[in-house]
Amino acid sequence: QVQLVESGGGLVQPGGSLSLSCAASGS
């Protein structure tokens, strides 16, 4: 009924930045 879909992540050097996103869908 419900699914969480994630995006982002990966490899980054110390001091760097990343952004993770998550979207919930369903009833």
PDB file of all heavy atoms in Angstrom:
ATOM      1  N   GLN A   1       0.808  -1.216   0.000  1.00  0.00           N
ATOM      2  CA  GLN A   1       0.000   0.000   0.000  1.00  0.00           C
ATOM      3  C   GLN A   1       0.840   1.263   0.000  1.00  0.00           C
ATOM      4  O   GLN A   1       0.462   2.255  -0.639  1.00  0.00           O
ATOM      5  CB  GLN A   1      -0.915  -0.001   1.221  1.00  0.00           C
ATOM      6  CG  GLN A   1      -1.999  -1.046   1.183  1.00  0.00           C
ATOM      7  CD  GLN A   1      -3.057  -0.724   0.159  1.00  0.00           C
ATOM      8  OE1 GLN A   1      -3.325   0.440  -0.128  1.00  0.00           O
ATOM      9  NE2 GLN A   1      -3.656  -1.765  -0.413  1.00  0.00           N
ATOM     10  N   VAL A   2       1.953   1.245   0.718  1.00  0.00           N
ATOM     11  CA  VAL A   2       2.820   2.407   0.840  1.00  0.00           C
ATOM     12  C   VAL A   2       4.238   2.004   0.476  1.00  0.00           C
ATOM     13  O   VAL A   2       4.713   0.936   0.860  1.00  0.00           O
ATOM     14  CB  VAL A   2       2.776   2.996   2.257  1.00  0.00           C
ATOM     15  CG1 VAL A   2       3.793   4.126   2.398  1.00  0.00           C
ATOM     16  CG2 VAL A   2       1.385   3.502   2.577  1.00  0.00           C
ATOM     17  N   GLN A   3       4.895   2.889  -0.242  1.00  0.00           N
ATOM     18  CA  GLN A   3       6.274   2.668  -0.644  1.00  0.00           C
ATOM     19  C   GLN A   3       7.084   3.926  -0.395  1.00  0.00           C
ATOM     20  O   GLN A   3       6.609   5.039  -0.645  1.00  0.00           O
ATOM     21  CB  GLN A   3       6.360   2.279  -2.118  1.00  0.00           C
ATOM     22  CG  GLN A   3       7.767   1.947  -2.600  1.00  0.00           C
ATOM     23  CD  GLN A   3       7.802   1.510  -4.048  1.00  0.00           C
ATOM     24  OE1 GLN A   3       6.780   1.464  -4.722  1.00  0.00           O
ATOM     25  NE2 GLN A   3       8.983   1.182  -4.541  1.00  0.00           N
ATOM     26  N   LEU A   4       8.305   3.741   0.107  1.00  0.00           N
ATOM     27  CA  LEU A   4       9.245   4.831   0.277  1.00  0.00           C
ATOM     28  C   LEU A   4      10.347   4.681  -0.758  1.00  0.00           C
ATOM     29  O   LEU A   4      11.010   3.647  -0.817  1.00  0.00           O
ATOM     30  CB  LEU A   4       9.852   4.830   1.679  1.00  0.00           C
ATOM     31  CG  LEU A   4       8.885   4.900   2.864  1.00  0.00           C
ATOM     32  CD1 LEU A   4       9.664   4.933   4.176  1.00  0.00           C
ATOM     33  CD2 LEU A   4       7.988   6.114   2.758  1.00  0.00           C
ATOM     34  N   VAL A   5      10.533   5.708  -1.561  1.00  0.00           N
ATOM     35  CA  VAL A   5      11.533   5.690  -2.613  1.00  0.00           C
ATOM     36  C   VAL A   5      12.616   6.697  -2.274  1.00  0.00           C
ATOM     37  O   VAL A   5      12.333   7.888  -2.114  1.00  0.00           O
ATOM     38  CB  VAL A   5      10.911   5.998  -3.986  1.00  0.00           C
ATOM     39  CG1 VAL A   5      11.993   5.991  -5.061  1.00  0.00           C
ATOM     40  CG2 VAL A   5       9.836   4.982  -4.321  1.00  0.00           C
ATOM     41  N   GLU A   6      13.848   6.221  -2.181  1.00  0.00           N
ATOM     42  CA  GLU A   6      14.980   7.040  -1.799  1.00  0.00           C
ATOM     43  C   GLU A   6      15.823   7.381  -3.014  1.00  0.00           C
ATOM     44  O   GLU A   6      15.918   6.608  -3.973  1.00  0.00           O
ATOM     45  CB  GLU A   6      15.848   6.312  -0.772  1.00  0.00           C
ATOM     46  CG  GLU A   6      15.104   5.923   0.492  1.00  0.00           C
ATOM     47  CD  GLU A   6      15.819   4.837   1.265  1.00  0.00           C
ATOM     48  OE1 GLU A   6      16.524   4.019   0.638  1.00  0.00           O
ATOM     49  OE2 GLU A   6      15.679   4.800   2.505  1.00  0.00           O
ATOM     50  N   SER A   7      16.473   8.528  -2.944  1.00  0.00           N
ATOM     51  CA  SER A   7      17.420   8.929  -3.967  1.00  0.00           C
ATOM     52  C   SER A   7      18.550   9.708  -3.310  1.00  0.00           C
ATOM     53  O   SER A   7      18.400  10.243  -2.211  1.00  0.00           O
ATOM     54  CB  SER A   7      16.749   9.770  -5.058  1.00  0.00           C
ATOM     55  OG  SER A   7      16.233  10.976  -4.532  1.00  0.00           O
ATOM     56  N   GLY A   8      19.664   9.779  -4.002  1.00  0.00           N
ATOM     57  CA  GLY A   8      20.838  10.432  -3.474  1.00  0.00           C
ATOM     58  C   GLY A   8      21.856   9.405  -3.026  1.00  0.00           C
ATOM     59  O   GLY A   8      21.847   8.248  -3.441  1.00  0.00           O
ATOM     60  N   GLY A   9      22.729   9.825  -2.165  1.00  0.00           N
ATOM     61  CA  GLY A   9      23.800   8.962  -1.718  1.00  0.00           C
ATOM     62  C   GLY A   9      24.934   8.928  -2.722  1.00  0.00           C
ATOM     63  O   GLY A   9      24.867   9.505  -3.807  1.00  0.00           O
ATOM     64  N   GLY A  10      25.993   8.240  -2.341  1.00  0.00           N
ATOM     65  CA  GLY A  10      27.146   8.122  -3.204  1.00  0.00           C
ATOM     66  C   GLY A  10      28.437   8.320  -2.442  1.00  0.00           C
ATOM     67  O   GLY A  10      28.488   8.212  -1.217  1.00  0.00           O
ATOM     68  N   LEU A  11      29.483   8.619  -3.187  1.00  0.00           N
ATOM     69  CA  LEU A  11      30.820   8.810  -2.632  1.00  0.00           C
ATOM     70  C   LEU A  11      31.156  10.291  -2.605  1.00  0.00           C
ATOM     71  O   LEU A  11      30.980  10.998  -3.609  1.00  0.00           O
ATOM     72  CB  LEU A  11      31.853   8.053  -3.464  1.00  0.00           C
ATOM     73  CG  LEU A  11      33.324   8.244  -3.097  1.00  0.00           C
ATOM     74  CD1 LEU A  11      33.605   7.689  -1.704  1.00  0.00           C
ATOM     75  CD2 LEU A  11      34.217   7.581  -4.130  1.00  0.00           C
ATOM     76  N   VAL A  12      31.650  10.750  -1.467  1.00  0.00           N
ATOM     77  CA  VAL A  12      32.019  12.145  -1.315  1.00  0.00           C
ATOM     78  C   VAL A  12      33.258  12.235  -0.434  1.00  0.00           C
ATOM     79  O   VAL A  12      33.484  11.389   0.431  1.00  0.00           O
ATOM     80  CB  VAL A  12      30.849  12.967  -0.719  1.00  0.00           C
ATOM     81  CG1 VAL A  12      30.555  12.524   0.710  1.00  0.00           C
ATOM     82  CG2 VAL A  12      31.141  14.457  -0.773  1.00  0.00           C
ATOM     83  N   GLN A  13      34.072  13.255  -0.660  1.00  0.00           N
ATOM     84  CA  GLN A  13      35.260  13.464   0.152  1.00  0.00           C
ATOM     85  C   GLN A  13      34.905  14.121   1.481  1.00  0.00           C
ATOM     86  O   GLN A  13      33.877  14.790   1.599  1.00  0.00           O
ATOM     87  CB  GLN A  13      36.269  14.334  -0.600  1.00  0.00           C
ATOM     88  CG  GLN A  13      36.827  13.685  -1.853  1.00  0.00           C
ATOM     89  CD  GLN A  13      37.919  14.517  -2.498  1.00  0.00           C
ATOM     90  OE1 GLN A  13      38.386  15.504  -1.930  1.00  0.00           O
ATOM     91  NE2 GLN A  13      38.344  14.116  -3.679  1.00  0.00           N
ATOM     92  N   PRO A  14      35.730  13.919   2.503  1.00  0.00           N
ATOM     93  CA  PRO A  14      35.481  14.598   3.774  1.00  0.00           C
ATOM     94  C   PRO A  14      35.340  16.102   3.595  1.00  0.00           C
ATOM     95  O   PRO A  14      36.094  16.722   2.843  1.00  0.00           O
ATOM     96  CB  PRO A  14      36.717  14.251   4.605  1.00  0.00           C
ATOM     97  CG  PRO A  14      37.182  12.950   4.042  1.00  0.00           C
ATOM     98  CD  PRO A  14      36.901  13.033   2.559  1.00  0.00           C
ATOM     99  N   GLY A  15      34.354  16.670   4.274  1.00  0.00           N
ATOM    100  CA  GLY A  15      34.053  18.079   4.141  1.00  0.00           C
ATOM    101  C   GLY A  15      33.050  18.397   3.054  1.00  0.00           C
ATOM    102  O   GLY A  15      32.570  19.540   2.973  1.00  0.00           O
ATOM    103  N   GLY A  16      32.718  17.422   2.247  1.00  0.00           N
ATOM    104  CA  GLY A  16      31.775  17.623   1.173  1.00  0.00           C
ATOM    105  C   GLY A  16      30.334  17.510   1.629  1.00  0.00           C
ATOM    106  O   GLY A  16      30.039  17.360   2.815  1.00  0.00           O
ATOM    107  N   SER A  17      29.437  17.554   0.655  1.00  0.00           N
ATOM    108  CA  SER A  17      28.006  17.558   0.939  1.00  0.00           C
ATOM    109  C   SER A  17      27.276  16.562   0.062  1.00  0.00           C
ATOM    110  O   SER A  17      27.689  16.275  -1.063  1.00  0.00           O
ATOM    111  CB  SER A  17      27.408  18.948   0.711  1.00  0.00           C
ATOM    112  OG  SER A  17      27.991  19.917   1.558  1.00  0.00           O
ATOM    113  N   LEU A  18      26.187  16.045   0.594  1.00  0.00           N
ATOM    114  CA  LEU A  18      25.266  15.197  -0.139  1.00  0.00           C
ATOM    115  C   LEU A  18      23.852  15.512   0.319  1.00  0.00           C
ATOM    116  O   LEU A  18      23.642  15.966   1.447  1.00  0.00           O
ATOM    117  CB  LEU A  18      25.545  13.707   0.081  1.00  0.00           C
ATOM    118  CG  LEU A  18      26.721  13.067  -0.654  1.00  0.00           C
ATOM    119  CD1 LEU A  18      26.902  11.629  -0.178  1.00  0.00           C
ATOM    120  CD2 LEU A  18      26.506  13.098  -2.158  1.00  0.00           C
ATOM    121  N   SER A  19      22.906  15.244  -0.553  1.00  0.00           N
ATOM    122  CA  SER A  19      21.507  15.429  -0.232  1.00  0.00           C
ATOM    123  C   SER A  19      20.748  14.135  -0.510  1.00  0.00           C
ATOM    124  O   SER A  19      20.839  13.582  -1.605  1.00  0.00           O
ATOM    125  CB  SER A  19      20.909  16.579  -1.048  1.00  0.00           C
ATOM    126  OG  SER A  19      19.546  16.782  -0.731  1.00  0.00           O
ATOM    127  N   LEU A  20      20.015  13.663   0.481  1.00  0.00           N
ATOM    128  CA  LEU A  20      19.196  12.468   0.353  1.00  0.00           C
ATOM    129  C   LEU A  20      17.729  12.867   0.324  1.00  0.00           C
ATOM    130  O   LEU A  20      17.294  13.708   1.114  1.00  0.00           O
ATOM    131  CB  LEU A  20      19.438  11.505   1.517  1.00  0.00           C
ATOM    132  CG  LEU A  20      20.877  11.076   1.787  1.00  0.00           C
ATOM    133  CD1 LEU A  20      20.917  10.111   2.973  1.00  0.00           C
ATOM    134  CD2 LEU A  20      21.491  10.437   0.559  1.00  0.00           C
ATOM    135  N   SER A  21      16.984  12.238  -0.567  1.00  0.00           N
ATOM    136  CA  SER A  21      15.563  12.513  -0.690  1.00  0.00           C
ATOM    137  C   SER A  21      14.769  11.232  -0.530  1.00  0.00           C
ATOM    138  O   SER A  21      15.225  10.147  -0.897  1.00  0.00           O
ATOM    139  CB  SER A  21      15.241  13.149  -2.050  1.00  0.00           C
ATOM    140  OG  SER A  21      15.899  14.385  -2.207  1.00  0.00           O
ATOM    141  N   CYS A  22      13.567  11.374  -0.007  1.00  0.00           N
ATOM    142  CA  CYS A  22      12.678  10.237   0.176  1.00  0.00           C
ATOM    143  C   CYS A  22      11.256  10.692  -0.094  1.00  0.00           C
ATOM    144  O   CYS A  22      10.824  11.728   0.426  1.00  0.00           O
ATOM    145  CB  CYS A  22      12.807   9.670   1.587  1.00  0.00           C
ATOM    146  SG  CYS A  22      11.691   8.293   1.950  1.00  0.00           S
ATOM    147  N   ALA A  23      10.533   9.906  -0.874  1.00  0.00           N
ATOM    148  CA  ALA A  23       9.149  10.207  -1.194  1.00  0.00           C
ATOM    149  C   ALA A  23       8.259   9.031  -0.826  1.00  0.00           C
ATOM    150  O   ALA A  23       8.550   7.885  -1.185  1.00  0.00           O
ATOM    151  CB  ALA A  23       9.001  10.533  -2.677  1.00  0.00           C
ATOM    152  N   ALA A  24       7.198   9.311  -0.099  1.00  0.00           N
ATOM    153  CA  ALA A  24       6.219   8.300   0.271  1.00  0.00           C
ATOM    154  C   ALA A  24       5.030   8.373  -0.671  1.00  0.00           C
ATOM    155  O   ALA A  24       4.524   9.460  -0.966  1.00  0.00           O
ATOM    156  CB  ALA A  24       5.761   8.491   1.710  1.00  0.00           C
ATOM    157  N   SER A  25       4.585   7.223  -1.132  1.00  0.00           N
ATOM    158  CA  SER A  25       3.441   7.173  -2.028  1.00  0.00           C
ATOM    159  C   SER A  25       2.561   5.984  -1.673  1.00  0.00           C
ATOM    160  O   SER A  25       3.026   5.005  -1.088  1.00  0.00           O
ATOM    161  CB  SER A  25       3.885   7.084  -3.489  1.00  0.00           C
ATOM    162  OG  SER A  25       4.633   5.904  -3.727  1.00  0.00           O
ATOM    163  N   GLY A  26       1.306   6.062  -2.057  1.00  0.00           N
ATOM    164  CA  GLY A  26       0.356   5.003  -1.787  1.00  0.00           C
ATOM    165  C   GLY A  26      -0.917   5.543  -1.178  1.00  0.00           C
ATOM    166  O   GLY A  26      -1.249   6.718  -1.318  1.00  0.00           O
ATOM    167  N   SER A  27      -1.633   4.664  -0.490  1.00  0.00           N
ATOM    168  CA  SER A  27      -2.909   5.029   0.124  1.00  0.00           C
ATOM    169  C   SER A  27      -2.675   5.682   1.473  1.00  0.00           C
ATOM    170  O   SER A  27      -2.957   5.114   2.534  1.00  0.00           O
ATOM    171  CB  SER A  27      -3.793   3.791   0.254  1.00  0.00           C
ATOM    172  OG  SER A  27      -4.029   3.180  -1.001  1.00  0.00           O
TER     173      SER A  27
END
